[in-house]
Structure formats: C-alpha cells, structure tokens
Amino acid sequence: MAPGKTRQPAKRTDAEKARAKRFIYLWVPIICLVIIGVYASALDPMRPTGRVIKGSVMEIKRSSQQPMSVLYKIRLETGEEVEIAVPEKSKPAGSQVMVEEFSTALLKKKRYEIKEPVR
C-alpha cells in the first residue's frame, strides 16, 4: 500500500446484497421453525392439568404395541372416547374409573392416565 492512501471499506455488490436478503427472508424463518419443532417434540413435557374426569370402561383388549399391557377404551363424562394402555399388573377393578388429564404447554397435546377406580 502506498504512503498517503487510506484504505476504504469495500462496497457490497448486488450479488452479496441478494445473498444476504435470501438468507434473512428464507433461511432465518426455516431455522426458527426447526428450532420450535425440536422444542415442541422433544422438550415440551406433559404436565398435569388438574382435571380428573370420571369415565366408564367400554372395551378391554390386549395391546399389540406395548407388551405386557392392556388397552382400555374409556368413555369420559365429557363424551370423549380415549384409549389408555395400562400395565397388566395395575388393572383397575370395575367399570367406572377416574382419569387424569395431562397436556403439553406449546402444542396442547393431551394424554390420559387412569388414576383410580371409582368405588
């Protein structure tokens, strides 16, 4: 570099500006959606909602997905029909059961567990 000359910052070309815009408008939203999806699927835990609902057992069948468990089809007081897998060791007695509701915070997925049989 010759004495007396100062170095000026390089000007951005149109191709560099287009690349920067593409990154901001295309890739940043995609990256954000992937991060939210990973959080929702892996890190969004089920939490009890505090609702305990009375239900009646409609059908009992052996579960093919989970070994050593029984699949209960239960009709809740709200009118919903849910399927709950219960280990064979802890089968509820009777046809009336109390069901506890669990939900995720972000996606509001619901899961039910048999809390206790109604006596």
PDB file of N, CA and C in Angstrom:
ATOM      1  N   MET A   1       0.846  -1.168   0.000  1.00  0.00           N
ATOM      2  CA  MET A   1       0.000   0.000   0.000  1.00  0.00           C
ATOM      3  C   MET A   1       0.895   1.236   0.000  1.00  0.00           C
ATOM      4  N   ALA A   2       0.584   2.160  -0.851  1.00  0.00           N
ATOM      5  CA  ALA A   2       1.408   3.359  -0.987  1.00  0.00           C
ATOM      6  C   ALA A   2       1.143   4.307   0.182  1.00  0.00           C
ATOM      7  N   PRO A   3       2.207   5.078   0.566  1.00  0.00           N
ATOM      8  CA  PRO A   3       2.008   6.017   1.666  1.00  0.00           C
ATOM      9  C   PRO A   3       1.033   7.114   1.262  1.00  0.00           C
ATOM     10  N   GLY A   4       0.218   7.514   2.247  1.00  0.00           N
ATOM     11  CA  GLY A   4      -0.727   8.581   1.984  1.00  0.00           C
ATOM     12  C   GLY A   4      -2.094   8.091   1.521  1.00  0.00           C
ATOM     13  N   LYS A   5      -2.207   6.857   1.107  1.00  0.00           N
ATOM     14  CA  LYS A   5      -3.512   6.331   0.690  1.00  0.00           C
ATOM     15  C   LYS A   5      -4.158   5.628   1.877  1.00  0.00           C
ATOM     16  N   THR A   6      -5.408   5.917   2.077  1.00  0.00           N
ATOM     17  CA  THR A   6      -6.143   5.241   3.150  1.00  0.00           C
ATOM     18  C   THR A   6      -6.997   4.139   2.535  1.00  0.00           C
ATOM     19  N   ARG A   7      -7.196   3.160   3.324  1.00  0.00           N
ATOM     20  CA  ARG A   7      -7.980   2.023   2.838  1.00  0.00           C
ATOM     21  C   ARG A   7      -9.455   2.289   3.079  1.00  0.00           C
ATOM     22  N   GLN A   8     -10.255   2.197   2.045  1.00  0.00           N
ATOM     23  CA  GLN A   8     -11.694   2.414   2.168  1.00  0.00           C
ATOM     24  C   GLN A   8     -12.388   1.048   2.237  1.00  0.00           C
ATOM     25  N   PRO A   9     -13.493   0.994   2.966  1.00  0.00           N
ATOM     26  CA  PRO A   9     -14.213  -0.280   3.046  1.00  0.00           C
ATOM     27  C   PRO A   9     -14.758  -0.674   1.673  1.00  0.00           C
ATOM     28  N   ALA A  10     -14.725  -1.945   1.405  1.00  0.00           N
ATOM     29  CA  ALA A  10     -15.209  -2.440   0.110  1.00  0.00           C
ATOM     30  C   ALA A  10     -16.726  -2.312   0.065  1.00  0.00           C
ATOM     31  N   LYS A  11     -17.228  -1.909  -1.079  1.00  0.00           N
ATOM     32  CA  LYS A  11     -18.672  -1.768  -1.236  1.00  0.00           C
ATOM     33  C   LYS A  11     -19.263  -3.122  -1.563  1.00  0.00           C
ATOM     34  N   ARG A  12     -20.461  -3.354  -1.050  1.00  0.00           N
ATOM     35  CA  ARG A  12     -21.128  -4.628  -1.296  1.00  0.00           C
ATOM     36  C   ARG A  12     -21.707  -4.635  -2.697  1.00  0.00           C
ATOM     37  N   THR A  13     -21.511  -5.732  -3.350  1.00  0.00           N
ATOM     38  CA  THR A  13     -22.047  -5.860  -4.704  1.00  0.00           C
ATOM     39  C   THR A  13     -23.503  -6.287  -4.622  1.00  0.00           C
ATOM     40  N   ASP A  14     -24.188  -6.237  -5.755  1.00  0.00           N
ATOM     41  CA  ASP A  14     -25.592  -6.624  -5.810  1.00  0.00           C
ATOM     42  C   ASP A  14     -25.771  -8.113  -5.499  1.00  0.00           C
ATOM     43  N   ALA A  15     -24.836  -8.915  -5.909  1.00  0.00           N
ATOM     44  CA  ALA A  15     -24.932 -10.356  -5.630  1.00  0.00           C
ATOM     45  C   ALA A  15     -24.831 -10.618  -4.123  1.00  0.00           C
ATOM     46  N   GLU A  16     -23.965  -9.899  -3.435  1.00  0.00           N
ATOM     47  CA  GLU A  16     -23.846 -10.071  -1.990  1.00  0.00           C
ATOM     48  C   GLU A  16     -25.099  -9.595  -1.273  1.00  0.00           C
ATOM     49  N   LYS A  17     -25.680  -8.503  -1.755  1.00  0.00           N
ATOM     50  CA  LYS A  17     -26.920  -7.996  -1.158  1.00  0.00           C
ATOM     51  C   LYS A  17     -28.061  -8.989  -1.362  1.00  0.00           C
ATOM     52  N   ALA A  18     -28.147  -9.582  -2.528  1.00  0.00           N
ATOM     53  CA  ALA A  18     -29.189 -10.566  -2.816  1.00  0.00           C
ATOM     54  C   ALA A  18     -29.005 -11.803  -1.945  1.00  0.00           C
ATOM     55  N   ARG A  19     -27.775 -12.231  -1.743  1.00  0.00           N
ATOM     56  CA  ARG A  19     -27.486 -13.385  -0.896  1.00  0.00           C
ATOM     57  C   ARG A  19     -27.881 -13.104   0.557  1.00  0.00           C
ATOM     58  N   ALA A  20     -27.601 -11.903   1.029  1.00  0.00           N
ATOM     59  CA  ALA A  20     -27.957 -11.528   2.405  1.00  0.00           C
ATOM     60  C   ALA A  20     -29.475 -11.488   2.569  1.00  0.00           C
ATOM     61  N   LYS A  21     -30.186 -10.930   1.581  1.00  0.00           N
ATOM     62  CA  LYS A  21     -31.647 -10.890   1.652  1.00  0.00           C
ATOM     63  C   LYS A  21     -32.231 -12.293   1.637  1.00  0.00           C
ATOM     64  N   ARG A  22     -31.679 -13.157   0.794  1.00  0.00           N
ATOM     65  CA  ARG A  22     -32.176 -14.538   0.718  1.00  0.00           C
ATOM     66  C   ARG A  22     -31.979 -15.235   2.058  1.00  0.00           C
ATOM     67  N   PHE A  23     -30.853 -15.000   2.691  1.00  0.00           N
ATOM     68  CA  PHE A  23     -30.602 -15.614   3.988  1.00  0.00           C
ATOM     69  C   PHE A  23     -31.614 -15.127   5.018  1.00  0.00           C
ATOM     70  N   ILE A  24     -31.839 -13.840   5.045  1.00  0.00           N
ATOM     71  CA  ILE A  24     -32.744 -13.273   6.050  1.00  0.00           C
ATOM     72  C   ILE A  24     -34.183 -13.705   5.812  1.00  0.00           C
ATOM     73  N   TYR A  25     -34.665 -13.628   4.586  1.00  0.00           N
ATOM     74  CA  TYR A  25     -36.080 -13.894   4.312  1.00  0.00           C
ATOM     75  C   TYR A  25     -36.403 -15.372   4.103  1.00  0.00           C
ATOM     76  N   LEU A  26     -35.422 -16.204   3.785  1.00  0.00           N
ATOM     77  CA  LEU A  26     -35.698 -17.617   3.546  1.00  0.00           C
ATOM     78  C   LEU A  26     -35.167 -18.490   4.669  1.00  0.00           C
ATOM     79  N   TRP A  27     -33.896 -18.367   4.966  1.00  0.00           N
ATOM     80  CA  TRP A  27     -33.285 -19.310   5.895  1.00  0.00           C
ATOM     81  C   TRP A  27     -33.551 -19.003   7.359  1.00  0.00           C
ATOM     82  N   VAL A  28     -33.648 -17.751   7.749  1.00  0.00           N
ATOM     83  CA  VAL A  28     -33.911 -17.428   9.156  1.00  0.00           C
ATOM     84  C   VAL A  28     -35.271 -17.973   9.596  1.00  0.00           C
ATOM     85  N   PRO A  29     -36.369 -17.800   8.822  1.00  0.00           N
ATOM     86  CA  PRO A  29     -37.644 -18.414   9.243  1.00  0.00           C
ATOM     87  C   PRO A  29     -37.593 -19.946   9.280  1.00  0.00           C
ATOM     88  N   ILE A  30     -36.892 -20.557   8.335  1.00  0.00           N
ATOM     89  CA  ILE A  30     -36.782 -22.024   8.341  1.00  0.00           C
ATOM     90  C   ILE A  30     -36.033 -22.492   9.583  1.00  0.00           C
ATOM     91  N   ILE A  31     -34.961 -21.823   9.938  1.00  0.00           N
ATOM     92  CA  ILE A  31     -34.193 -22.180  11.132  1.00  0.00           C
ATOM     93  C   ILE A  31     -35.051 -22.019  12.388  1.00  0.00           C
ATOM     94  N   CYS A  32     -35.830 -20.941  12.455  1.00  0.00           N
ATOM     95  CA  CYS A  32     -36.707 -20.722  13.617  1.00  0.00           C
ATOM     96  C   CYS A  32     -37.769 -21.812  13.723  1.00  0.00           C
ATOM     97  N   LEU A  33     -38.370 -22.207  12.598  1.00  0.00           N
ATOM     98  CA  LEU A  33     -39.384 -23.265  12.617  1.00  0.00           C
ATOM     99  C   LEU A  33     -38.793 -24.600  13.050  1.00  0.00           C
ATOM    100  N   VAL A  34     -37.589 -24.899  12.620  1.00  0.00           N
ATOM    101  CA  VAL A  34     -36.946 -26.148  13.036  1.00  0.00           C
ATOM    102  C   VAL A  34     -36.673 -26.135  14.534  1.00  0.00           C
ATOM    103  N   ILE A  35     -36.208 -25.024  15.054  1.00  0.00           N
ATOM    104  CA  ILE A  35     -35.935 -24.925  16.491  1.00  0.00           C
ATOM    105  C   ILE A  35     -37.221 -25.080  17.291  1.00  0.00           C
ATOM    106  N   ILE A  36     -38.304 -24.444  16.859  1.00  0.00           N
ATOM    107  CA  ILE A  36     -39.593 -24.575  17.541  1.00  0.00           C
ATOM    108  C   ILE A  36     -40.102 -26.008  17.449  1.00  0.00           C
ATOM    109  N   GLY A  37     -39.923 -26.650  16.292  1.00  0.00           N
ATOM    110  CA  GLY A  37     -40.357 -28.041  16.133  1.00  0.00           C
ATOM    111  C   GLY A  37     -39.603 -28.985  17.041  1.00  0.00           C
ATOM    112  N   VAL A  38     -38.296 -28.792  17.173  1.00  0.00           N
ATOM    113  CA  VAL A  38     -37.496 -29.637  18.071  1.00  0.00           C
ATOM    114  C   VAL A  38     -37.933 -29.422  19.512  1.00  0.00           C
ATOM    115  N   TYR A  39     -38.180 -28.187  19.890  1.00  0.00           N
ATOM    116  CA  TYR A  39     -38.639 -27.913  21.245  1.00  0.00           C
ATOM    117  C   TYR A  39     -39.985 -28.580  21.501  1.00  0.00           C
ATOM    118  N   ALA A  40     -40.898 -28.413  20.557  1.00  0.00           N
ATOM    119  CA  ALA A  40     -42.249 -28.944  20.748  1.00  0.00           C
ATOM    120  C   ALA A  40     -42.263 -30.464  20.816  1.00  0.00           C
ATOM    121  N   SER A  41     -41.428 -31.106  20.030  1.00  0.00           N
ATOM    122  CA  SER A  41     -41.470 -32.569  20.006  1.00  0.00           C
ATOM    123  C   SER A  41     -40.633 -33.206  21.106  1.00  0.00           C
ATOM    124  N   ALA A  42     -39.543 -32.598  21.496  1.00  0.00           N
ATOM    125  CA  ALA A  42     -38.644 -33.242  22.446  1.00  0.00           C
ATOM    126  C   ALA A  42     -38.644 -32.600  23.827  1.00  0.00           C
ATOM    127  N   LEU A  43     -38.808 -31.326  23.883  1.00  0.00           N
ATOM    128  CA  LEU A  43     -38.616 -30.637  25.150  1.00  0.00           C
ATOM    129  C   LEU A  43     -39.891 -30.082  25.773  1.00  0.00           C
ATOM    130  N   ASP A  44     -41.039 -30.288  25.144  1.00  0.00           N
ATOM    131  CA  ASP A  44     -42.300 -29.789  25.673  1.00  0.00           C
ATOM    132  C   ASP A  44     -42.939 -30.909  26.496  1.00  0.00           C
ATOM    133  N   PRO A  45     -42.685 -30.956  27.800  1.00  0.00           N
ATOM    134  CA  PRO A  45     -43.134 -32.098  28.592  1.00  0.00           C
ATOM    135  C   PRO A  45     -44.637 -32.075  28.879  1.00  0.00           C
ATOM    136  N   MET A  46     -45.165 -33.258  29.142  1.00  0.00           N
ATOM    137  CA  MET A  46     -46.558 -33.380  29.556  1.00  0.00           C
ATOM    138  C   MET A  46     -46.670 -32.920  31.009  1.00  0.00           C
ATOM    139  N   ARG A  47     -47.674 -32.106  31.280  1.00  0.00           N
ATOM    140  CA  ARG A  47     -47.908 -31.621  32.634  1.00  0.00           C
ATOM    141  C   ARG A  47     -49.351 -31.914  33.007  1.00  0.00           C
ATOM    142  N   PRO A  48     -49.602 -32.245  34.267  1.00  0.00           N
ATOM    143  CA  PRO A  48     -50.993 -32.478  34.658  1.00  0.00           C
ATOM    144  C   PRO A  48     -51.778 -31.174  34.619  1.00  0.00           C
ATOM    145  N   THR A  49     -52.994 -31.244  34.087  1.00  0.00           N
ATOM    146  CA  THR A  49     -53.832 -30.050  34.005  1.00  0.00           C
ATOM    147  C   THR A  49     -54.647 -29.849  35.266  1.00  0.00           C
ATOM    148  N   GLY A  50     -54.724 -30.879  36.108  1.00  0.00           N
ATOM    149  CA  GLY A  50     -55.518 -30.771  37.323  1.00  0.00           C
ATOM    150  C   GLY A  50     -56.935 -31.302  37.149  1.00  0.00           C
ATOM    151  N   ARG A  51     -57.292 -31.654  35.918  1.00  0.00           N
ATOM    152  CA  ARG A  51     -58.636 -32.192  35.668  1.00  0.00           C
ATOM    153  C   ARG A  51     -58.639 -33.689  35.931  1.00  0.00           C
ATOM    154  N   VAL A  52     -59.548 -34.121  36.765  1.00  0.00           N
ATOM    155  CA  VAL A  52     -59.785 -35.533  36.991  1.00  0.00           C
ATOM    156  C   VAL A  52     -61.220 -35.790  36.550  1.00  0.00           C
ATOM    157  N   ILE A  53     -61.381 -36.668  35.559  1.00  0.00           N
ATOM    158  CA  ILE A  53     -62.676 -36.878  34.922  1.00  0.00           C
ATOM    159  C   ILE A  53     -63.132 -38.311  35.191  1.00  0.00           C
ATOM    160  N   LYS A  54     -64.413 -38.449  35.446  1.00  0.00           N
ATOM    161  CA  LYS A  54     -64.984 -39.771  35.642  1.00  0.00           C
ATOM    162  C   LYS A  54     -65.265 -40.382  34.269  1.00  0.00           C
ATOM    163  N   GLY A  55     -64.997 -41.675  34.143  1.00  0.00           N
ATOM    164  CA  GLY A  55     -65.230 -42.352  32.873  1.00  0.00           C
ATOM    165  C   GLY A  55     -65.672 -43.779  33.088  1.00  0.00           C
ATOM    166  N   SER A  56     -66.215 -44.368  32.033  1.00  0.00           N
ATOM    167  CA  SER A  56     -66.647 -45.760  32.112  1.00  0.00           C
ATOM    168  C   SER A  56     -65.892 -46.570  31.065  1.00  0.00           C
ATOM    169  N   VAL A  57     -65.459 -47.779  31.465  1.00  0.00           N
ATOM    170  CA  VAL A  57     -64.709 -48.658  30.583  1.00  0.00           C
ATOM    171  C   VAL A  57     -65.682 -49.267  29.583  1.00  0.00           C
ATOM    172  N   MET A  58     -65.405 -49.063  28.289  1.00  0.00           N
ATOM    173  CA  MET A  58     -66.266 -49.593  27.235  1.00  0.00           C
ATOM    174  C   MET A  58     -65.739 -50.912  26.712  1.00  0.00           C
ATOM    175  N   GLU A  59     -64.430 -51.018  26.544  1.00  0.00           N
ATOM    176  CA  GLU A  59     -63.833 -52.178  25.903  1.00  0.00           C
ATOM    177  C   GLU A  59     -62.443 -52.407  26.472  1.00  0.00           C
ATOM    178  N   ILE A  60     -62.091 -53.672  26.623  1.00  0.00           N
ATOM    179  CA  ILE A  60     -60.761 -54.050  27.095  1.00  0.00           C
ATOM    180  C   ILE A  60     -60.174 -54.985  26.059  1.00  0.00           C
ATOM    181  N   LYS A  61     -58.968 -54.684  25.581  1.00  0.00           N
ATOM    182  CA  LYS A  61     -58.314 -55.573  24.617  1.00  0.00           C
ATOM    183  C   LYS A  61     -56.810 -55.583  24.850  1.00  0.00           C
ATOM    184  N   ARG A  62     -56.182 -56.613  24.400  1.00  0.00           N
ATOM    185  CA  ARG A  62     -54.735 -56.756  24.544  1.00  0.00           C
ATOM    186  C   ARG A  62     -54.061 -55.768  23.586  1.00  0.00           C
ATOM    187  N   SER A  63     -53.049 -55.058  24.087  1.00  0.00           N
ATOM    188  CA  SER A  63     -52.336 -54.073  23.280  1.00  0.00           C
ATOM    189  C   SER A  63     -51.232 -54.760  22.483  1.00  0.00           C
ATOM    190  N   SER A  64     -51.199 -54.521  21.184  1.00  0.00           N
ATOM    191  CA  SER A  64     -50.142 -55.112  20.365  1.00  0.00           C
ATOM    192  C   SER A  64     -48.898 -54.229  20.315  1.00  0.00           C
ATOM    193  N   GLN A  65     -49.043 -52.936  20.604  1.00  0.00           N
ATOM    194  CA  GLN A  65     -47.895 -52.030  20.552  1.00  0.00           C
ATOM    195  C   GLN A  65     -47.008 -52.172  21.783  1.00  0.00           C
ATOM    196  N   GLN A  66     -47.612 -52.372  22.940  1.00  0.00           N
ATOM    197  CA  GLN A  66     -46.847 -52.428  24.176  1.00  0.00           C
ATOM    198  C   GLN A  66     -46.998 -53.814  24.794  1.00  0.00           C
ATOM    199  N   PRO A  67     -45.911 -54.548  24.933  1.00  0.00           N
ATOM    200  CA  PRO A  67     -46.016 -55.879  25.533  1.00  0.00           C
ATOM    201  C   PRO A  67     -46.392 -55.784  27.011  1.00  0.00           C
ATOM    202  N   MET A  68     -47.082 -56.784  27.472  1.00  0.00           N
ATOM    203  CA  MET A  68     -47.496 -56.886  28.880  1.00  0.00           C
ATOM    204  C   MET A  68     -48.388 -55.730  29.315  1.00  0.00           C
ATOM    205  N   SER A  69     -49.235 -55.237  28.420  1.00  0.00           N
ATOM    206  CA  SER A  69     -50.169 -54.179  28.789  1.00  0.00           C
ATOM    207  C   SER A  69     -51.539 -54.462  28.175  1.00  0.00           C
ATOM    208  N   VAL A  70     -52.526 -53.825  28.754  1.00  0.00           N
ATOM    209  CA  VAL A  70     -53.906 -53.968  28.307  1.00  0.00           C
ATOM    210  C   VAL A  70     -54.381 -52.598  27.851  1.00  0.00           C
ATOM    211  N   LEU A  71     -55.130 -52.549  26.754  1.00  0.00           N
ATOM    212  CA  LEU A  71     -55.634 -51.299  26.208  1.00  0.00           C
ATOM    213  C   LEU A  71     -57.088 -51.133  26.614  1.00  0.00           C
ATOM    214  N   TYR A  72     -57.372 -50.071  27.333  1.00  0.00           N
ATOM    215  CA  TYR A  72     -58.730 -49.783  27.776  1.00  0.00           C
ATOM    216  C   TYR A  72     -59.310 -48.683  26.912  1.00  0.00           C
ATOM    217  N   LYS A  73     -60.512 -48.898  26.410  1.00  0.00           N
ATOM    218  CA  LYS A  73     -61.239 -47.856  25.692  1.00  0.00           C
ATOM    219  C   LYS A  73     -62.246 -47.292  26.680  1.00  0.00           C
ATOM    220  N   ILE A  74     -62.115 -46.001  26.984  1.00  0.00           N
ATOM    221  CA  ILE A  74     -62.893 -45.377  28.049  1.00  0.00           C
ATOM    222  C   ILE A  74     -63.683 -44.209  27.490  1.00  0.00           C
ATOM    223  N   ARG A  75     -64.965 -44.149  27.870  1.00  0.00           N
ATOM    224  CA  ARG A  75     -65.809 -43.003  27.508  1.00  0.00           C
ATOM    225  C   ARG A  75     -65.863 -42.082  28.725  1.00  0.00           C
ATOM    226  N   LEU A  76     -65.404 -40.845  28.529  1.00  0.00           N
ATOM    227  CA  LEU A  76     -65.369 -39.866  29.611  1.00  0.00           C
ATOM    228  C   LEU A  76     -66.720 -39.182  29.766  1.00  0.00           C
ATOM    229  N   GLU A  77     -66.908 -38.497  30.903  1.00  0.00           N
ATOM    230  CA  GLU A  77     -68.137 -37.739  31.138  1.00  0.00           C
ATOM    231  C   GLU A  77     -68.343 -36.657  30.090  1.00  0.00           C
ATOM    232  N   THR A  78     -67.251 -36.160  29.550  1.00  0.00           N
ATOM    233  CA  THR A  78     -67.322 -35.085  28.551  1.00  0.00           C
ATOM    234  C   THR A  78     -67.786 -35.590  27.190  1.00  0.00           C
ATOM    235  N   GLY A  79     -67.874 -36.922  27.021  1.00  0.00           N
ATOM    236  CA  GLY A  79     -68.296 -37.501  25.751  1.00  0.00           C
ATOM    237  C   GLY A  79     -67.148 -38.004  24.901  1.00  0.00           C
ATOM    238  N   GLU A  80     -65.925 -37.691  25.295  1.00  0.00           N
ATOM    239  CA  GLU A  80     -64.751 -38.148  24.543  1.00  0.00           C
ATOM    240  C   GLU A  80     -64.520 -39.629  24.774  1.00  0.00           C
ATOM    241  N   GLU A  81     -63.987 -40.296  23.760  1.00  0.00           N
ATOM    242  CA  GLU A  81     -63.561 -41.679  23.903  1.00  0.00           C
ATOM    243  C   GLU A  81     -62.047 -41.706  23.769  1.00  0.00           C
ATOM    244  N   VAL A  82     -61.379 -42.241  24.789  1.00  0.00           N
ATOM    245  CA  VAL A  82     -59.916 -42.293  24.798  1.00  0.00           C
ATOM    246  C   VAL A  82     -59.461 -43.729  24.996  1.00  0.00           C
ATOM    247  N   GLU A  83     -58.257 -44.031  24.509  1.00  0.00           N
ATOM    248  CA  GLU A  83     -57.649 -45.332  24.716  1.00  0.00           C
ATOM    249  C   GLU A  83     -56.443 -45.150  25.622  1.00  0.00           C
ATOM    250  N   ILE A  84     -56.394 -45.965  26.678  1.00  0.00           N
ATOM    251  CA  ILE A  84     -55.323 -45.859  27.656  1.00  0.00           C
ATOM    252  C   ILE A  84     -54.683 -47.227  27.817  1.00  0.00           C
ATOM    253  N   ALA A  85     -53.361 -47.298  27.661  1.00  0.00           N
ATOM    254  CA  ALA A  85     -52.622 -48.538  27.873  1.00  0.00           C
ATOM    255  C   ALA A  85     -52.223 -48.617  29.340  1.00  0.00           C
ATOM    256  N   VAL A  86     -52.551 -49.742  29.961  1.00  0.00           N
ATOM    257  CA  VAL A  86     -52.272 -49.942  31.379  1.00  0.00           C
ATOM    258  C   VAL A  86     -51.480 -51.235  31.530  1.00  0.00           C
ATOM    259  N   PRO A  87     -50.402 -51.224  32.323  1.00  0.00           N
ATOM    260  CA  PRO A  87     -49.677 -52.479  32.563  1.00  0.00           C
ATOM    261  C   PRO A  87     -50.597 -53.513  33.208  1.00  0.00           C
ATOM    262  N   GLU A  88     -50.387 -54.793  32.877  1.00  0.00           N
ATOM    263  CA  GLU A  88     -51.252 -55.849  33.382  1.00  0.00           C
ATOM    264  C   GLU A  88     -51.248 -55.922  34.902  1.00  0.00           C
ATOM    265  N   LYS A  89     -50.164 -55.512  35.532  1.00  0.00           N
ATOM    266  CA  LYS A  89     -50.065 -55.591  36.989  1.00  0.00           C
ATOM    267  C   LYS A  89     -51.028 -54.639  37.684  1.00  0.00           C
ATOM    268  N   SER A  90     -51.325 -53.501  37.057  1.00  0.00           N
ATOM    269  CA  SER A  90     -52.141 -52.482  37.724  1.00  0.00           C
ATOM    270  C   SER A  90     -53.489 -52.293  37.027  1.00  0.00           C
ATOM    271  N   LYS A  91     -54.186 -53.382  36.760  1.00  0.00           N
ATOM    272  CA  LYS A  91     -55.510 -53.282  36.135  1.00  0.00           C
ATOM    273  C   LYS A  91     -56.502 -52.657  37.105  1.00  0.00           C
ATOM    274  N   PRO A  92     -57.292 -51.697  36.644  1.00  0.00           N
ATOM    275  CA  PRO A  92     -58.321 -51.147  37.532  1.00  0.00           C
ATOM    276  C   PRO A  92     -59.492 -52.130  37.636  1.00  0.00           C
ATOM    277  N   ALA A  93     -60.068 -52.210  38.824  1.00  0.00           N
ATOM    278  CA  ALA A  93     -61.226 -53.082  39.017  1.00  0.00           C
ATOM    279  C   ALA A  93     -62.500 -52.278  38.789  1.00  0.00           C
ATOM    280  N   GLY A  94     -63.479 -52.888  38.203  1.00  0.00           N
ATOM    281  CA  GLY A  94     -64.754 -52.220  37.974  1.00  0.00           C
ATOM    282  C   GLY A  94     -64.815 -51.536  36.632  1.00  0.00           C
ATOM    283  N   SER A  95     -66.013 -51.030  36.334  1.00  0.00           N
ATOM    284  CA  SER A  95     -66.199 -50.407  35.028  1.00  0.00           C
ATOM    285  C   SER A  95     -66.148 -48.886  35.095  1.00  0.00           C
ATOM    286  N   GLN A  96     -66.141 -48.309  36.289  1.00  0.00           N
ATOM    287  CA  GLN A  96     -66.046 -46.859  36.442  1.00  0.00           C
ATOM    288  C   GLN A  96     -64.642 -46.505  36.938  1.00  0.00           C
ATOM    289  N   VAL A  97     -63.990 -45.560  36.289  1.00  0.00           N
ATOM    290  CA  VAL A  97     -62.635 -45.149  36.670  1.00  0.00           C
ATOM    291  C   VAL A  97     -62.527 -43.628  36.667  1.00  0.00           C
ATOM    292  N   MET A  98     -61.539 -43.134  37.409  1.00  0.00           N
ATOM    293  CA  MET A  98     -61.203 -41.712  37.387  1.00  0.00           C
ATOM    294  C   MET A  98     -59.968 -41.563  36.496  1.00  0.00           C
ATOM    295  N   VAL A  99     -60.033 -40.631  35.581  1.00  0.00           N
ATOM    296  CA  VAL A  99     -58.968 -40.434  34.599  1.00  0.00           C
ATOM    297  C   VAL A  99     -58.375 -39.041  34.795  1.00  0.00           C
ATOM    298  N   GLU A 100     -57.042 -38.970  34.855  1.00  0.00           N
ATOM    299  CA  GLU A 100     -56.355 -37.688  34.994  1.00  0.00           C
ATOM    300  C   GLU A 100     -55.845 -37.240  33.633  1.00  0.00           C
ATOM    301  N   GLU A 101     -56.014 -35.948  33.342  1.00  0.00           N
ATOM    302  CA  GLU A 101     -55.616 -35.394  32.043  1.00  0.00           C
ATOM    303  C   GLU A 101     -54.247 -34.731  32.157  1.00  0.00           C
ATOM    304  N   PHE A 102     -53.399 -34.987  31.151  1.00  0.00           N
ATOM    305  CA  PHE A 102     -52.091 -34.348  31.030  1.00  0.00           C
ATOM    306  C   PHE A 102     -52.065 -33.621  29.692  1.00  0.00           C
ATOM    307  N   SER A 103     -51.363 -32.474  29.628  1.00  0.00           N
ATOM    308  CA  SER A 103     -51.311 -31.695  28.391  1.00  0.00           C
ATOM    309  C   SER A 103     -49.940 -31.044  28.247  1.00  0.00           C
ATOM    310  N   THR A 104     -49.529 -30.815  26.980  1.00  0.00           N
ATOM    311  CA  THR A 104     -48.291 -30.078  26.742  1.00  0.00           C
ATOM    312  C   THR A 104     -48.600 -28.593  26.683  1.00  0.00           C
ATOM    313  N   ALA A 105     -47.614 -27.774  26.978  1.00  0.00           N
ATOM    314  CA  ALA A 105     -47.830 -26.324  27.022  1.00  0.00           C
ATOM    315  C   ALA A 105     -47.922 -25.711  25.628  1.00  0.00           C
ATOM    316  N   LEU A 106     -47.075 -26.147  24.706  1.00  0.00           N
ATOM    317  CA  LEU A 106     -46.997 -25.486  23.408  1.00  0.00           C
ATOM    318  C   LEU A 106     -48.025 -26.016  22.411  1.00  0.00           C
ATOM    319  N   LEU A 107     -48.073 -27.322  22.219  1.00  0.00           N
ATOM    320  CA  LEU A 107     -48.958 -27.892  21.200  1.00  0.00           C
ATOM    321  C   LEU A 107     -50.302 -28.355  21.741  1.00  0.00           C
ATOM    322  N   LYS A 108     -50.488 -28.331  23.054  1.00  0.00           N
ATOM    323  CA  LYS A 108     -51.734 -28.733  23.708  1.00  0.00           C
ATOM    324  C   LYS A 108     -52.127 -30.171  23.386  1.00  0.00           C
ATOM    325  N   LYS A 109     -51.133 -31.056  23.216  1.00  0.00           N
ATOM    326  CA  LYS A 109     -51.431 -32.475  23.046  1.00  0.00           C
ATOM    327  C   LYS A 109     -51.914 -33.012  24.382  1.00  0.00           C
ATOM    328  N   LYS A 110     -52.919 -33.888  24.329  1.00  0.00           N
ATOM    329  CA  LYS A 110     -53.486 -34.433  25.557  1.00  0.00           C
ATOM    330  C   LYS A 110     -53.168 -35.905  25.697  1.00  0.00           C
ATOM    331  N   ARG A 111     -53.011 -36.332  26.952  1.00  0.00           N
ATOM    332  CA  ARG A 111     -52.822 -37.731  27.285  1.00  0.00           C
ATOM    333  C   ARG A 111     -53.584 -37.984  28.574  1.00  0.00           C
ATOM    334  N   TYR A 112     -54.112 -39.169  28.697  1.00  0.00           N
ATOM    335  CA  TYR A 112     -54.895 -39.508  29.882  1.00  0.00           C
ATOM    336  C   TYR A 112     -54.281 -40.699  30.579  1.00  0.00           C
ATOM    337  N   GLU A 113     -54.398 -40.735  31.917  1.00  0.00           N
ATOM    338  CA  GLU A 113     -53.940 -41.872  32.708  1.00  0.00           C
ATOM    339  C   GLU A 113     -55.030 -42.227  33.693  1.00  0.00           C
ATOM    340  N   ILE A 114     -55.200 -43.526  33.922  1.00  0.00           N
ATOM    341  CA  ILE A 114     -56.177 -43.967  34.901  1.00  0.00           C
ATOM    342  C   ILE A 114     -55.611 -43.687  36.287  1.00  0.00           C
ATOM    343  N   LYS A 115     -56.353 -42.895  37.051  1.00  0.00           N
ATOM    344  CA  LYS A 115     -55.890 -42.526  38.373  1.00  0.00           C
ATOM    345  C   LYS A 115     -56.328 -43.573  39.403  1.00  0.00           C
ATOM    346  N   GLU A 116     -57.600 -43.876  39.430  1.00  0.00           N
ATOM    347  CA  GLU A 116     -58.097 -44.847  40.398  1.00  0.00           C
ATOM    348  C   GLU A 116     -59.487 -45.314  39.977  1.00  0.00           C
ATOM    349  N   PRO A 117     -59.869 -46.515  40.395  1.00  0.00           N
ATOM    350  CA  PRO A 117     -61.232 -46.959  40.116  1.00  0.00           C
ATOM    351  C   PRO A 117     -62.221 -46.255  41.043  1.00  0.00           C
ATOM    352  N   VAL A 118     -63.440 -46.050  40.548  1.00  0.00           N
ATOM    353  CA  VAL A 118     -64.488 -45.417  41.357  1.00  0.00           C
ATOM    354  C   VAL A 118     -65.087 -46.506  42.242  1.00  0.00           C
ATOM    355  N   ARG A 119     -65.220 -46.211  43.489  1.00  0.00           N
ATOM    356  CA  ARG A 119     -65.783 -47.196  44.428  1.00  0.00           C
ATOM    357  C   ARG A 119     -67.200 -46.857  44.778  1.00  0.00           C
TER     358      ARG A 119
END
